[in-house]
Amino acid sequence: MMGYGYGLMGGFGMIIPVILIVLVIYAVVKLMQNNNGNYDMRNGKNDAIDILNQRYAKGEISEEEYMQKKKMLRD
């Protein structure tokens, strides 16, 4: 007689949601690590040069100061 209960499929059915939850948590942790660590370090110089370019374009700094700071940022 076939009954409704926790047979082989019932146990397997409980594993799938647990695996999905673990995968979602893993993905969220990996995304947060990538955004907080490597992303900021790689784009830090580009952001500084962009700000420097904007300041020069607005006339806030002289050409000499612009060139000095740009050279410093690229080194």
Protein backbone atom coordinates (compact mmCIF):
# COMPACT_ATOMS: atom_id res chain seq x y z
CA MET A 1 0.00 0.00 0.00
CA MET A 2 1.33 3.43 -0.95
CA GLY A 3 1.12 5.97 1.81
CA TYR A 4 1.77 9.65 1.91
CA GLY A 5 4.63 10.43 4.21
CA TYR A 6 8.35 10.91 4.47
CA GLY A 7 9.60 8.14 2.27
CA LEU A 8 12.61 8.33 -0.02
CA MET A 9 11.19 11.27 -1.98
CA GLY A 10 10.20 13.08 1.20
CA GLY A 11 13.80 13.06 2.47
CA PHE A 12 15.16 14.09 -0.92
CA GLY A 13 12.57 16.82 -1.14
CA MET A 14 13.88 18.33 2.10
CA ILE A 15 17.46 18.46 0.78
CA ILE A 16 16.67 20.58 -2.28
CA PRO A 17 15.44 23.68 -0.37
CA VAL A 18 18.44 23.47 1.97
CA ILE A 19 20.84 23.32 -1.01
CA LEU A 20 19.09 26.28 -2.62
CA ILE A 21 19.33 28.36 0.56
CA VAL A 22 23.03 27.55 0.91
CA LEU A 23 23.66 28.52 -2.74
CA VAL A 24 21.85 31.83 -2.35
CA ILE A 25 23.79 32.69 0.81
CA TYR A 26 27.07 31.75 -0.90
CA ALA A 27 26.26 33.93 -3.92
CA VAL A 28 25.37 36.93 -1.73
CA VAL A 29 28.58 36.59 0.28
CA LYS A 30 30.70 36.35 -2.88
CA LEU A 31 29.04 39.40 -4.42
CA MET A 32 29.60 41.44 -1.26
CA GLN A 33 33.26 40.39 -1.10
CA ASN A 34 33.84 41.41 -4.72
CA ASN A 35 32.12 44.76 -4.32
CA ASN A 36 33.80 45.73 -1.06
CA GLY A 37 37.34 44.55 -1.71
CA ASN A 38 38.69 44.34 -5.22
CA TYR A 39 36.27 46.71 -6.93
CA ASP A 40 37.21 49.72 -4.79
CA MET A 41 40.93 49.08 -5.08
CA ARG A 42 40.89 48.77 -8.88
CA ASN A 43 38.80 51.87 -9.49
CA GLY A 44 40.37 54.12 -6.86
CA LYS A 45 42.97 55.64 -9.21
CA ASN A 46 40.50 56.18 -12.02
CA ASP A 47 38.11 57.98 -9.69
CA ALA A 48 40.91 60.24 -8.46
CA ILE A 49 41.95 61.10 -12.01
CA ASP A 50 38.33 61.82 -12.93
CA ILE A 51 38.02 64.20 -9.98
CA LEU A 52 41.32 65.83 -10.92
CA ASN A 53 40.13 66.30 -14.51
CA GLN A 54 36.91 67.90 -13.28
CA ARG A 55 38.77 70.28 -10.97
CA TYR A 56 41.08 71.31 -13.80
CA ALA A 57 38.16 71.80 -16.19
CA LYS A 58 36.40 74.04 -13.64
CA GLY A 59 39.55 76.10 -13.22
CA GLU A 60 40.01 75.20 -9.56
CA ILE A 61 43.66 74.19 -10.10
CA SER A 62 46.40 75.46 -12.41
CA GLU A 63 47.87 73.49 -15.29
CA GLU A 64 51.12 73.00 -13.38
CA GLU A 65 49.32 71.65 -10.32
CA TYR A 66 47.17 69.44 -12.57
CA MET A 67 50.21 67.90 -14.27
CA GLN A 68 51.99 67.28 -10.95
CA LYS A 69 49.01 65.59 -9.37
CA LYS A 70 48.24 63.55 -12.48
CA LYS A 71 51.83 62.29 -12.58
CA MET A 72 51.63 61.40 -8.88
CA LEU A 73 48.43 59.43 -9.38
CA ARG A 74 49.81 57.44 -12.31
CA ASP A 75 52.94 56.37 -10.44
